[in-house]
């Protein structure tokens, strides 16, 4: 178990990589521009790249900063059933230690 790494942090990091996160604003005269942080199109649309994405956290057991790939703590599954089969697949992310 990795003390200090929560399911929320994993989800938040993946959400930021895929959908982006406003990290700042730039104001120029009357105009204001949001500055978004997110992966490039190629990386955020590739499950393998997302699973290789590194998550950095403080390990409370060793009191050291660690960086591990998402694949070390989560797995991807595809759920297909009923009407969803016609639409496509839903990608689910589950913590490995909670399955």
Protein backbone atom coordinates (compact mmCIF):
# COMPACT_ATOMS: atom_id res chain seq x y z
CA UNK A 1 0.00 0.00 0.00
CA UNK A 2 1.26 3.43 -0.88
CA UNK A 3 0.50 5.74 2.03
CA UNK A 4 -0.17 9.27 0.82
CA UNK A 5 -1.58 8.41 -2.61
CA UNK A 6 -5.35 8.68 -2.74
CA UNK A 7 -7.84 7.54 -5.34
CA UNK A 8 -8.85 11.20 -5.58
CA UNK A 9 -5.32 12.27 -6.54
CA UNK A 10 -5.11 9.57 -9.20
CA UNK A 11 -8.45 10.63 -10.65
CA UNK A 12 -7.59 14.32 -10.45
CA UNK A 13 -4.25 13.86 -12.25
CA UNK A 14 -5.88 11.84 -15.03
CA UNK A 15 -8.73 14.34 -15.33
CA UNK A 16 -6.22 17.20 -15.61
CA UNK A 17 -4.26 15.31 -18.30
CA UNK A 18 -7.39 14.62 -20.37
CA UNK A 19 -9.70 17.59 -19.79
CA UNK A 20 -7.26 20.20 -18.57
CA UNK A 21 -7.14 22.46 -15.55
CA UNK A 22 -7.05 26.22 -15.35
CA UNK A 23 -3.73 27.08 -13.75
CA UNK A 24 -3.70 30.81 -14.28
CA UNK A 25 -5.22 33.74 -16.13
CA UNK A 26 -3.58 36.31 -18.35
CA UNK A 27 -5.13 39.74 -18.48
CA UNK A 28 -4.33 41.99 -21.39
CA UNK A 29 -6.23 45.26 -21.25
CA UNK A 30 -9.95 44.40 -21.10
CA UNK A 31 -9.37 40.82 -22.29
CA UNK A 32 -8.76 37.89 -19.96
CA UNK A 33 -7.37 34.54 -21.16
CA UNK A 34 -7.48 31.28 -19.24
CA UNK A 35 -4.25 29.28 -19.18
CA UNK A 36 -5.06 25.55 -19.33
CA UNK A 37 -2.70 22.70 -18.45
CA UNK A 38 -3.35 19.37 -20.20
CA UNK A 39 -1.72 16.64 -22.31
CA UNK A 40 -1.43 17.08 -26.06
CA UNK A 41 -4.15 15.50 -28.24
CA UNK A 42 -1.93 12.54 -29.10
CA UNK A 43 -1.15 11.71 -25.47
CA UNK A 44 -4.57 12.28 -23.94
CA UNK A 45 -6.34 10.14 -26.53
CA UNK A 46 -4.06 7.14 -25.99
CA UNK A 47 -4.85 4.80 -23.06
CA UNK A 48 -1.29 3.42 -23.02
CA UNK A 49 0.18 6.92 -22.64
CA UNK A 50 -2.30 7.76 -19.87
CA UNK A 51 -1.45 4.55 -18.02
CA UNK A 52 2.26 5.42 -18.31
CA UNK A 53 1.62 8.92 -16.94
CA UNK A 54 3.59 9.48 -13.72
CA UNK A 55 1.88 10.45 -10.48
CA UNK A 56 4.02 12.24 -7.91
CA UNK A 57 3.17 12.08 -4.22
CA UNK A 58 4.69 12.08 -0.73
CA UNK A 59 5.00 8.51 0.60
CA UNK A 60 4.06 8.84 4.27
CA UNK A 61 5.86 5.59 5.18
CA UNK A 62 9.26 6.77 3.97
CA UNK A 63 8.61 10.55 3.97
CA UNK A 64 10.06 10.69 0.46
CA UNK A 65 8.58 12.07 -2.74
CA UNK A 66 7.80 9.25 -5.15
CA UNK A 67 6.78 9.18 -8.79
CA UNK A 68 5.07 6.08 -10.17
CA UNK A 69 3.15 5.28 -13.35
CA UNK A 70 -0.65 5.15 -13.12
CA UNK A 71 -0.42 1.49 -14.22
CA UNK A 72 1.27 0.65 -10.88
CA UNK A 73 -1.91 1.50 -8.97
CA UNK A 74 -4.77 1.27 -11.46
CA UNK A 75 -6.02 -0.92 -14.25
CA UNK A 76 -8.19 -0.22 -17.27
CA UNK A 77 -11.15 -2.35 -18.19
CA UNK A 78 -13.72 -2.10 -20.94
CA UNK A 79 -17.37 -2.61 -20.13
CA UNK A 80 -19.69 -3.45 -23.02
CA UNK A 81 -23.32 -4.36 -22.47
CA UNK A 82 -26.77 -3.78 -23.95
CA UNK A 83 -27.24 -0.45 -25.70
CA UNK A 84 -23.68 0.58 -24.87
CA UNK A 85 -22.43 -1.96 -27.41
CA UNK A 86 -23.97 0.10 -30.22
CA UNK A 87 -22.47 3.31 -28.90
CA UNK A 88 -19.03 2.04 -27.98
CA UNK A 89 -17.06 1.04 -24.93
CA UNK A 90 -16.79 2.76 -21.58
CA UNK A 91 -13.32 2.84 -20.09
CA UNK A 92 -13.25 2.25 -16.34
CA UNK A 93 -10.35 3.01 -14.05
CA UNK A 94 -10.06 1.02 -10.83
CA UNK A 95 -7.46 1.06 -8.06
CA UNK A 96 -5.55 -2.23 -8.13
CA UNK A 97 -5.48 -2.52 -4.34
CA UNK A 98 -9.24 -1.96 -4.06
CA UNK A 99 -10.38 -4.60 -6.58
